[in-house]
Amino acid sequence: MIQGDSVSKRLNLLAIAVCFIFVISSISIPTGANNAEPDEYPNGWTHRPLMEQFTSLGCPPCMGIDPDVAKLWKEFREEPGLPVTFVSFHQVNGGSDDEFASQESKDRYNHYSVQGTPDAQFDGGYIEELGGGDGTYDTYKDHYYECGERDVKPTELRVWQEFREDRFVFTVNLTYLGEGGISTPLNPDILDSSVYLFVVEDDIMAWSSVEEKEVMTHNVFRENALTNEQVELQPAETWSHEVEWMIPDTIDYMSGHEDRDGNAQEGEHPIPTPINPAKISVVAVVYDNDDTSRTTSSGKTGNAADTPRAANSATPETTAYDEQNEPPKVVSYDEKLSGNLAEVSAVLEDEDGIGSAYVIYNFHNGSYNDEAWGVMPMEIDENNVASASIEFSDGDPVWYRILLVDGKQGFAASDVKQFAGTGTGNSEEDSPGLGLIGILCALFIGLNRRKD
């Protein structure tokens, strides 16, 4: 019996040892790569916080706080680090004629179970601001700061955009940096996330039935380029994805939408204000499916729908900043008129080289938005001189901008410019006529003076 007990004890010890080895082999000890430091975000934040605003051009309270929202956005977008992101989803609340009130905007509204406008969801509902009023600027700014400082799973998020004549190509990279420490089968260190690409257009003039005039709107949601893409990553693992987004010329209106004359306008219709590619940006957002936390600050509330909270957000501009990549630029222009051709050449500059360049143009003015701008690819020579010819009619002004991408996919748009010598008629043809009229007028005046 003693010998049997000894064998039994040895078998038990052996079983314990095997189990111990199995458990140890299942534990993930973070490597140096897993402990990679996240980006140094502005203000010492853990990530770039996001605000999703729900508004309407026909909603009096929305228009009442709009100056505060615009002031805050203009302030943040001028900071070198571009510390925040912002998407404005338009609704039909208060007034049914908002031209940006698409069904996709309504779907996002329903995602958060929003009850009215104005409403703002910070970091996916970690903080929800219901309504607005005096002090909206300070309130929203405080929400951004609280969200920026909160604990999130560390990620590195990058997004690039390239314009290609009738579409954009968006490329997004998401790396999970890991939380550090020991990961076990019962408590694995995994990022279970949802990724969205929101396409926005900034600085658009649009009609407000409240103001009874056109007003400037900011970061208006146009469409989703990527919706609820499920991505699961382990520490140091990277997910990459490329999306082609065709620039739409129609919009799918939500139920209850009307035009400015009160006519029902539900379903698919032509876009009233065509999309200007120079004002387009993509906003990439990664939401942590395991995070439904909400603020505990006094006087504040989080979204009650327990939606996944944002772990990070990015735009092409923030990506360029994080990678210390100076955007490409136009150094100089050379314009030449040849009959009815406006020949433009531009010297482009970027240390990473130039990937592509397009010129967009219209024959009205620099802020024209009644119709889509024309588009033409530019030829780029070995000296990074881009050239294109724009055909126009006598007397028409030629307004244009250059959209370019560098060797690291950095995107930039030049300032709008009027082609010199256009918009005043053909000087070679008009000058003799004007001269003859002047001579006849002088003779007529002289004859009259002689009679007197």
Protein backbone atom coordinates (compact mmCIF):
# COMPACT_ATOMS: atom_id res chain seq x y z
CA MET A 1 0.00 0.00 0.00
CA ILE A 2 2.86 2.35 0.80
CA GLN A 3 4.38 1.69 -2.62
CA GLY A 4 1.04 2.27 -4.30
CA ASP A 5 0.54 5.56 -2.47
CA SER A 6 3.97 6.67 -3.62
CA VAL A 7 3.15 5.95 -7.25
CA SER A 8 -0.17 7.73 -6.91
CA LYS A 9 1.52 10.81 -5.47
CA ARG A 10 4.04 10.83 -8.32
CA LEU A 11 1.24 10.63 -10.88
CA ASN A 12 -0.58 13.48 -9.18
CA LEU A 13 2.55 15.60 -9.14
CA LEU A 14 3.11 14.79 -12.80
CA ALA A 15 -0.46 15.81 -13.65
CA ILE A 16 -0.06 19.07 -11.73
CA ALA A 17 3.21 19.78 -13.55
CA VAL A 18 1.59 19.14 -16.95
CA CYS A 19 -1.31 21.46 -16.08
CA PHE A 20 1.12 24.10 -14.88
CA ILE A 21 3.10 23.92 -18.12
CA PHE A 22 -0.14 24.16 -20.14
CA VAL A 23 -1.28 27.24 -18.24
CA ILE A 24 2.12 28.90 -18.52
CA SER A 25 2.23 28.22 -22.25
CA SER A 26 -1.19 29.86 -22.61
CA ILE A 27 -0.12 33.05 -20.86
CA SER A 28 1.00 35.83 -23.16
CA ILE A 29 3.90 37.88 -21.82
CA PRO A 30 4.07 41.19 -23.69
CA THR A 31 7.12 41.76 -25.82
CA GLY A 32 8.84 45.03 -26.50
CA ALA A 33 6.75 45.41 -29.70
CA ASN A 34 3.57 44.96 -27.74
CA ASN A 35 4.61 47.73 -25.39
CA ALA A 36 5.16 50.22 -28.19
CA GLU A 37 4.27 53.70 -27.07
CA PRO A 38 1.16 55.26 -28.63
CA ASP A 39 1.33 58.53 -30.51
CA GLU A 40 2.03 61.63 -28.48
CA TYR A 41 -1.36 63.23 -28.82
CA PRO A 42 -1.88 66.96 -28.25
CA ASN A 43 -2.63 68.06 -24.68
CA GLY A 44 -1.14 64.83 -23.36
CA TRP A 45 -4.34 62.99 -24.30
CA THR A 46 -4.65 59.22 -24.71
CA HIS A 47 -6.25 59.49 -28.16
CA ARG A 48 -8.09 61.93 -30.46
CA PRO A 49 -11.63 62.33 -29.13
CA LEU A 50 -14.58 62.47 -31.52
CA MET A 51 -17.78 64.50 -31.49
CA GLU A 52 -20.77 63.28 -33.49
CA GLN A 53 -23.22 66.16 -33.67
CA PHE A 54 -26.88 65.80 -34.60
CA THR A 55 -28.34 69.01 -35.94
CA SER A 56 -30.72 70.51 -38.48
CA LEU A 57 -30.76 73.66 -40.57
CA GLY A 58 -34.48 73.91 -39.81
CA CYS A 59 -34.12 73.56 -36.03
CA PRO A 60 -34.13 76.89 -34.12
CA PRO A 61 -32.18 75.61 -31.07
CA CYS A 62 -29.63 73.99 -33.41
CA MET A 63 -29.06 77.22 -35.28
CA GLY A 64 -28.90 79.03 -31.94
CA ILE A 65 -25.80 77.08 -30.84
CA ASP A 66 -24.28 76.81 -34.33
CA PRO A 67 -21.99 79.86 -33.88
CA ASP A 68 -20.50 78.27 -30.74
CA VAL A 69 -19.96 74.92 -32.47
CA ALA A 70 -18.37 76.65 -35.48
CA LYS A 71 -16.12 78.73 -33.22
CA LEU A 72 -14.88 75.63 -31.39
CA TRP A 73 -14.27 73.68 -34.60
CA LYS A 74 -12.38 76.55 -36.25
CA GLU A 75 -10.22 76.89 -33.15
CA PHE A 76 -9.32 73.19 -32.99
CA ARG A 77 -8.70 72.79 -36.73
CA GLU A 78 -6.15 75.63 -36.65
CA GLU A 79 -4.06 73.90 -33.98
CA PRO A 80 -0.97 72.16 -35.41
CA GLY A 81 -1.79 68.83 -33.76
CA LEU A 82 -5.44 68.80 -34.87
CA PRO A 83 -6.41 67.32 -31.49
CA VAL A 84 -10.05 66.38 -32.21
CA THR A 85 -12.36 65.12 -34.94
CA PHE A 86 -15.92 66.17 -35.67
CA VAL A 87 -18.79 64.86 -37.83
CA SER A 88 -22.13 66.67 -38.25
CA PHE A 89 -25.14 64.46 -39.03
CA HIS A 90 -28.12 66.50 -40.29
CA GLN A 91 -31.73 65.60 -39.47
CA VAL A 92 -35.27 66.85 -40.26
CA ASN A 93 -36.05 67.74 -36.64
CA GLY A 94 -37.67 71.16 -36.28
CA GLY A 95 -37.72 71.66 -40.05
CA SER A 96 -37.96 69.11 -42.84
CA ASP A 97 -36.03 70.89 -45.60
CA ASP A 98 -32.41 70.31 -44.52
CA GLU A 99 -30.67 69.33 -47.76
CA PHE A 100 -28.13 67.11 -45.95
CA ALA A 101 -30.71 65.00 -44.05
CA SER A 102 -29.86 61.62 -45.59
CA GLN A 103 -31.08 58.21 -44.53
CA GLU A 104 -27.54 57.32 -43.43
CA SER A 105 -27.58 60.36 -41.12
CA LYS A 106 -30.87 59.10 -39.69
CA ASP A 107 -29.39 55.63 -39.21
CA ARG A 108 -26.59 57.14 -37.13
CA TYR A 109 -29.15 59.11 -35.13
CA ASN A 110 -31.03 55.88 -34.42
CA HIS A 111 -27.78 54.11 -33.47
CA TYR A 112 -27.56 56.33 -30.39
CA SER A 113 -31.34 56.37 -29.80
CA VAL A 114 -31.22 60.16 -29.93
CA GLN A 115 -34.50 61.81 -28.94
CA GLY A 116 -34.10 65.24 -30.54
CA THR A 117 -31.76 67.91 -31.83
CA PRO A 118 -29.40 69.46 -31.04
CA ASP A 119 -27.53 66.50 -29.57
CA ALA A 120 -23.82 65.64 -29.39
CA GLN A 121 -22.22 62.27 -28.68
CA PHE A 122 -18.61 62.50 -27.51
CA ASP A 123 -16.43 59.41 -28.02
CA GLY A 124 -19.34 57.26 -29.09
CA GLY A 125 -21.63 58.28 -26.23
CA TYR A 126 -19.16 58.34 -23.33
CA ILE A 127 -20.60 61.82 -22.85
CA GLU A 128 -23.93 62.87 -24.34
CA GLU A 129 -24.87 66.55 -24.47
CA LEU A 130 -28.61 67.00 -24.83
CA GLY A 131 -29.79 70.28 -26.27
CA GLY A 132 -27.70 73.42 -26.02
CA GLY A 133 -27.86 77.10 -25.24
CA ASP A 134 -25.62 79.71 -23.65
CA GLY A 135 -22.18 78.34 -22.90
CA THR A 136 -22.20 75.65 -25.57
CA TYR A 137 -18.65 76.56 -26.63
CA ASP A 138 -17.24 76.03 -23.12
CA THR A 139 -19.41 72.96 -22.49
CA TYR A 140 -18.38 71.18 -25.67
CA LYS A 141 -14.74 72.07 -25.15
CA ASP A 142 -14.85 70.64 -21.62
CA HIS A 143 -16.39 67.42 -22.96
CA TYR A 144 -13.61 67.09 -25.54
CA TYR A 145 -10.97 67.49 -22.82
CA GLU A 146 -12.56 64.95 -20.49
CA CYS A 147 -12.83 62.40 -23.30
CA GLY A 148 -9.27 63.03 -24.44
CA GLU A 149 -7.94 62.21 -20.97
CA ARG A 150 -9.93 59.01 -20.35
CA ASP A 151 -8.40 55.52 -20.40
CA VAL A 152 -8.80 53.68 -23.70
CA LYS A 153 -7.14 50.65 -25.26
CA PRO A 154 -4.04 52.11 -26.96
CA THR A 155 -4.13 52.13 -30.75
CA GLU A 156 -2.33 53.71 -33.66
CA LEU A 157 -4.84 54.84 -36.28
CA ARG A 158 -3.88 56.16 -39.70
CA VAL A 159 -6.01 57.12 -42.71
CA TRP A 160 -5.07 58.50 -46.12
CA GLN A 161 -7.08 59.75 -49.07
CA GLU A 162 -6.25 60.07 -52.75
CA PHE A 163 -8.42 61.83 -55.31
CA ARG A 164 -8.88 60.02 -58.64
CA GLU A 165 -11.06 62.06 -60.99
CA ASP A 166 -14.52 60.79 -59.95
CA ARG A 167 -13.70 59.04 -56.69
CA PHE A 168 -11.51 58.93 -53.62
CA VAL A 169 -9.42 56.01 -52.46
CA PHE A 170 -9.25 55.76 -48.68
CA THR A 171 -6.65 53.61 -46.93
CA VAL A 172 -6.91 52.92 -43.21
CA ASN A 173 -4.35 51.23 -40.93
CA LEU A 174 -5.20 50.21 -37.37
CA THR A 175 -2.57 48.83 -34.97
CA TYR A 176 -3.40 47.59 -31.50
CA LEU A 177 -0.54 48.43 -29.16
CA GLY A 178 -1.70 46.28 -26.26
CA GLU A 179 -2.41 47.20 -22.66
CA GLY A 180 0.72 45.54 -21.25
CA GLY A 181 0.87 43.09 -18.37
CA ILE A 182 -0.04 39.41 -18.55
CA SER A 183 -2.73 38.06 -20.86
CA THR A 184 -4.47 34.78 -19.95
CA PRO A 185 -7.05 32.64 -21.78
CA LEU A 186 -9.67 33.87 -19.31
CA ASN A 187 -8.65 37.51 -19.72
CA PRO A 188 -7.02 37.90 -23.16
CA ASP A 189 -5.54 41.21 -24.27
CA ILE A 190 -7.56 41.66 -27.49
CA LEU A 191 -9.06 44.67 -29.22
CA ASP A 192 -12.55 43.75 -30.40
CA SER A 193 -13.54 46.77 -32.48
CA SER A 194 -15.84 48.33 -35.06
CA VAL A 195 -14.28 50.61 -37.68
CA TYR A 196 -16.09 53.35 -39.58
CA LEU A 197 -15.03 55.74 -42.33
CA PHE A 198 -17.24 58.85 -42.35
CA VAL A 199 -16.90 61.11 -45.41
CA VAL A 200 -17.40 64.78 -44.52
CA GLU A 201 -17.32 68.06 -46.41
CA ASP A 202 -16.32 71.27 -44.65
CA ASP A 203 -17.31 74.90 -45.24
CA ILE A 204 -20.50 74.44 -47.31
CA MET A 205 -23.05 77.19 -47.83
CA ALA A 206 -26.61 75.85 -47.49
CA TRP A 207 -30.11 77.23 -46.97
CA SER A 208 -31.48 77.47 -43.43
CA SER A 209 -35.22 77.95 -43.08
CA VAL A 210 -34.59 79.32 -39.58
CA GLU A 211 -32.17 82.02 -40.72
CA GLU A 212 -33.98 82.45 -44.06
CA LYS A 213 -30.65 82.64 -45.84
CA GLU A 214 -27.66 80.50 -46.72
CA VAL A 215 -25.36 79.76 -43.80
CA MET A 216 -21.91 78.20 -43.50
CA THR A 217 -21.97 74.57 -42.38
CA HIS A 218 -19.02 72.52 -41.15
CA ASN A 219 -17.90 68.91 -41.49
CA VAL A 220 -21.22 67.82 -42.94
CA PHE A 221 -21.62 64.06 -43.17
CA ARG A 222 -21.98 63.04 -46.81
CA GLU A 223 -21.80 59.24 -46.80
CA ASN A 224 -20.25 56.23 -45.12
CA ALA A 225 -17.28 54.79 -46.96
CA LEU A 226 -17.00 51.94 -44.44
CA THR A 227 -19.70 50.88 -41.99
CA ASN A 228 -19.30 48.79 -38.84
CA GLU A 229 -16.31 46.78 -40.07
CA GLN A 230 -15.55 44.23 -37.36
CA VAL A 231 -11.83 44.01 -36.57
CA GLU A 232 -10.22 41.88 -33.84
CA LEU A 233 -6.55 42.44 -33.09
CA GLN A 234 -3.95 41.11 -30.69
CA PRO A 235 -1.13 43.33 -29.39
CA ALA A 236 1.25 44.55 -32.12
CA GLU A 237 -1.12 43.30 -34.84
CA THR A 238 -2.09 45.65 -37.70
CA TRP A 239 -5.19 45.66 -39.88
CA SER A 240 -5.19 47.50 -43.23
CA HIS A 241 -8.04 48.18 -45.59
CA GLU A 242 -8.57 50.14 -48.81
CA VAL A 243 -11.91 51.54 -49.94
CA GLU A 244 -12.94 53.22 -53.20
CA TRP A 245 -15.60 55.84 -52.65
CA MET A 246 -17.37 57.10 -55.77
CA ILE A 247 -18.36 60.75 -55.44
CA PRO A 248 -22.17 60.61 -55.47
CA ASP A 249 -24.45 62.95 -57.39
CA THR A 250 -27.60 61.75 -55.61
CA ILE A 251 -28.71 61.57 -51.99
CA ASP A 252 -31.11 59.13 -50.33
CA TYR A 253 -33.37 61.30 -48.18
CA MET A 254 -34.90 60.06 -44.95
CA SER A 255 -38.64 59.74 -44.39
CA GLY A 256 -40.37 63.08 -43.82
CA HIS A 257 -37.93 65.15 -45.86
CA GLU A 258 -39.27 68.00 -48.00
CA ASP A 259 -37.77 70.51 -50.41
CA ARG A 260 -37.82 74.24 -49.70
CA ASP A 261 -41.28 74.55 -51.28
CA GLY A 262 -42.79 71.92 -48.98
CA ASN A 263 -42.90 69.11 -51.54
CA ALA A 264 -42.22 65.59 -50.28
CA GLN A 265 -38.67 64.57 -51.17
CA GLU A 266 -38.06 61.12 -49.76
CA GLY A 267 -35.80 58.51 -51.30
CA GLU A 268 -33.15 59.14 -53.96
CA HIS A 269 -32.82 62.64 -55.44
CA PRO A 270 -30.07 64.75 -57.06
CA ILE A 271 -27.76 66.39 -54.50
CA PRO A 272 -28.75 70.08 -54.26
CA THR A 273 -25.21 71.26 -53.47
CA PRO A 274 -22.73 69.13 -55.45
CA ILE A 275 -19.74 67.75 -53.57
CA ASN A 276 -16.53 69.76 -53.93
CA PRO A 277 -13.57 67.32 -53.83
CA ALA A 278 -11.26 70.02 -52.44
CA LYS A 279 -13.37 70.19 -49.27
CA ILE A 280 -13.71 66.44 -48.70
CA SER A 281 -12.06 64.62 -45.80
CA VAL A 282 -12.47 61.14 -44.39
CA VAL A 283 -12.83 60.63 -40.64
CA ALA A 284 -11.71 57.19 -39.46
CA VAL A 285 -13.03 56.00 -36.10
CA VAL A 286 -12.33 52.81 -34.14
CA TYR A 287 -14.92 51.88 -31.51
CA ASP A 288 -14.08 49.44 -28.72
CA ASN A 289 -16.91 46.88 -28.64
CA ASP A 290 -16.01 45.97 -25.04
CA ASP A 291 -16.20 49.54 -23.77
CA THR A 292 -19.62 50.91 -22.84
CA SER A 293 -18.36 53.14 -20.04
CA ARG A 294 -19.82 56.56 -19.41
CA THR A 295 -18.76 59.69 -17.63
CA THR A 296 -19.02 59.85 -13.85
CA SER A 297 -18.49 63.61 -13.70
CA SER A 298 -21.10 65.55 -11.77
CA GLY A 299 -23.73 67.16 -13.95
CA LYS A 300 -22.85 65.09 -17.02
CA THR A 301 -24.42 62.01 -18.56
CA GLY A 302 -23.44 59.28 -20.99
CA ASN A 303 -25.52 57.69 -23.71
CA ALA A 304 -27.96 55.17 -22.24
CA ALA A 305 -27.91 52.91 -25.30
CA ASP A 306 -24.57 51.34 -24.22
CA THR A 307 -23.06 51.89 -27.65
CA PRO A 308 -19.37 51.03 -28.16
CA ARG A 309 -17.19 53.97 -27.18
CA ALA A 310 -14.58 55.46 -29.48
CA ALA A 311 -11.00 54.39 -28.76
CA ASN A 312 -9.46 56.67 -31.38
CA SER A 313 -10.16 58.75 -34.47
CA ALA A 314 -8.08 60.13 -37.32
CA THR A 315 -8.16 62.15 -40.54
CA PRO A 316 -5.59 62.51 -43.34
CA GLU A 317 -4.47 65.76 -41.67
CA THR A 318 -3.91 64.12 -38.28
CA THR A 319 -2.11 61.24 -39.98
CA ALA A 320 0.30 63.66 -41.65
CA TYR A 321 0.92 65.33 -38.28
CA ASP A 322 1.50 62.04 -36.45
CA GLU A 323 3.92 60.86 -39.12
CA GLN A 324 5.64 64.25 -39.28
CA ASN A 325 4.87 64.35 -42.98
CA GLU A 326 4.64 67.84 -44.44
CA PRO A 327 1.79 67.93 -47.00
CA PRO A 328 2.66 68.56 -50.64
CA LYS A 329 2.31 72.12 -51.88
CA VAL A 330 2.19 74.27 -54.98
CA VAL A 331 5.30 76.46 -55.07
CA SER A 332 4.49 78.57 -58.13
CA TYR A 333 2.09 78.92 -61.05
CA ASP A 334 2.62 79.67 -64.73
CA GLU A 335 -0.53 80.60 -66.66
CA LYS A 336 -0.81 81.03 -70.42
CA LEU A 337 -3.81 81.78 -72.62
CA SER A 338 -3.83 80.13 -76.01
CA GLY A 339 -7.08 80.95 -77.78
CA ASN A 340 -9.81 79.30 -75.74
CA LEU A 341 -7.38 77.19 -73.75
CA ALA A 342 -6.22 78.17 -70.28
CA GLU A 343 -2.89 76.38 -69.92
CA VAL A 344 -1.79 76.06 -66.32
CA SER A 345 1.55 74.79 -65.08
CA ALA A 346 2.40 74.47 -61.41
CA VAL A 347 5.64 73.61 -59.67
CA LEU A 348 4.84 71.05 -56.96
CA GLU A 349 7.07 70.32 -53.98
CA ASP A 350 7.37 67.50 -51.48
CA GLU A 351 10.41 65.66 -50.14
CA ASP A 352 8.67 62.32 -50.76
CA GLY A 353 7.86 63.11 -54.38
CA ILE A 354 4.48 63.72 -56.00
CA GLY A 355 2.13 60.81 -56.54
CA SER A 356 -0.68 62.45 -58.51
CA ALA A 357 -2.27 65.81 -59.27
CA TYR A 358 -5.64 66.94 -60.62
CA VAL A 359 -7.04 70.34 -61.43
CA ILE A 360 -10.69 71.07 -60.65
CA TYR A 361 -12.34 74.15 -62.19
CA ASN A 362 -15.50 76.12 -62.87
CA PHE A 363 -16.48 79.18 -64.92
CA HIS A 364 -18.34 81.17 -62.27
CA ASN A 365 -16.53 82.02 -59.02
CA GLY A 366 -14.24 80.64 -56.36
CA SER A 367 -17.04 79.41 -54.09
CA TYR A 368 -19.34 78.12 -56.82
CA ASN A 369 -21.49 75.17 -55.73
CA ASP A 370 -24.53 75.12 -58.03
CA GLU A 371 -22.96 72.41 -60.18
CA ALA A 372 -20.06 69.99 -59.85
CA TRP A 373 -16.64 71.38 -60.73
CA GLY A 374 -14.89 70.05 -63.80
CA VAL A 375 -11.97 67.66 -63.26
CA MET A 376 -8.85 67.07 -65.31
CA PRO A 377 -5.73 64.99 -64.54
CA MET A 378 -2.42 66.87 -64.69
CA GLU A 379 0.70 65.57 -66.37
CA ILE A 380 3.72 65.62 -64.06
CA ASP A 381 7.26 65.74 -65.48
CA GLU A 382 10.54 64.70 -63.87
CA ASN A 383 10.89 68.15 -62.28
CA ASN A 384 7.51 67.87 -60.52
CA VAL A 385 5.92 70.41 -62.85
CA ALA A 386 2.24 69.57 -63.32
CA SER A 387 0.38 70.88 -66.36
CA ALA A 388 -3.13 70.80 -67.83
CA SER A 389 -5.24 72.77 -70.33
CA ILE A 390 -8.77 73.97 -69.56
CA GLU A 391 -11.07 74.83 -72.46
CA PHE A 392 -13.37 77.79 -71.84
CA SER A 393 -15.68 80.18 -73.67
CA ASP A 394 -14.99 83.84 -74.41
CA GLY A 395 -15.76 86.03 -71.42
CA ASP A 396 -15.91 83.17 -68.90
CA PRO A 397 -13.71 83.39 -65.82
CA VAL A 398 -11.69 80.25 -65.08
CA TRP A 399 -11.46 79.42 -61.38
CA TYR A 400 -9.38 76.43 -60.34
CA ARG A 401 -7.72 74.47 -57.54
CA ILE A 402 -5.08 71.75 -57.65
CA LEU A 403 -5.53 68.52 -55.66
CA LEU A 404 -2.31 66.60 -55.09
CA VAL A 405 -0.93 63.57 -53.25
CA ASP A 406 2.67 62.99 -52.23
CA GLY A 407 4.76 59.82 -52.12
CA LYS A 408 3.48 59.00 -48.62
CA GLN A 409 -0.17 59.45 -49.61
CA GLY A 410 -0.34 62.88 -47.99
CA PHE A 411 -3.26 64.85 -49.49
CA ALA A 412 -3.48 68.59 -50.06
CA ALA A 413 -5.62 71.09 -51.97
CA SER A 414 -4.30 74.44 -53.15
CA ASP A 415 -6.14 77.70 -52.58
CA VAL A 416 -8.74 78.60 -55.20
CA LYS A 417 -7.37 80.85 -57.94
CA GLN A 418 -8.72 82.76 -60.92
CA PHE A 419 -6.79 82.25 -64.13
CA ALA A 420 -5.29 85.61 -65.07
CA GLY A 421 -6.87 87.26 -68.12
CA THR A 422 -10.11 85.26 -68.02
CA GLY A 423 -13.52 86.67 -67.22
CA THR A 424 -12.93 89.97 -69.08
CA GLY A 425 -13.47 88.85 -72.66
CA ASN A 426 -10.80 88.39 -75.32
CA SER A 427 -8.61 91.47 -75.10
CA GLU A 428 -7.22 91.05 -78.63
CA GLU A 429 -10.72 91.10 -80.14
CA ASP A 430 -12.36 93.55 -77.75
CA SER A 431 -9.69 96.24 -77.72
CA PRO A 432 -10.19 97.47 -81.35
CA GLY A 433 -13.97 97.63 -80.83
CA LEU A 434 -13.63 99.61 -77.63
CA GLY A 435 -11.09 101.88 -79.30
CA LEU A 436 -13.44 102.62 -82.21
CA ILE A 437 -16.30 103.40 -79.84
CA GLY A 438 -14.04 105.75 -77.94
CA ILE A 439 -13.02 107.58 -81.13
CA LEU A 440 -16.63 107.99 -82.27
CA CYS A 441 -17.63 109.33 -78.84
CA ALA A 442 -14.79 111.83 -78.95
CA LEU A 443 -15.76 113.02 -82.44
CA PHE A 444 -19.41 113.40 -81.37
CA ILE A 445 -18.45 115.45 -78.31
CA GLY A 446 -16.12 117.61 -80.45
CA LEU A 447 -18.80 118.35 -83.02
CA ASN A 448 -21.27 119.33 -80.32
CA ARG A 449 -18.78 121.72 -78.77
CA ARG A 450 -18.20 123.39 -82.19
CA LYS A 451 -21.94 123.91 -82.58
CA ASP A 452 -22.10 125.61 -79.18
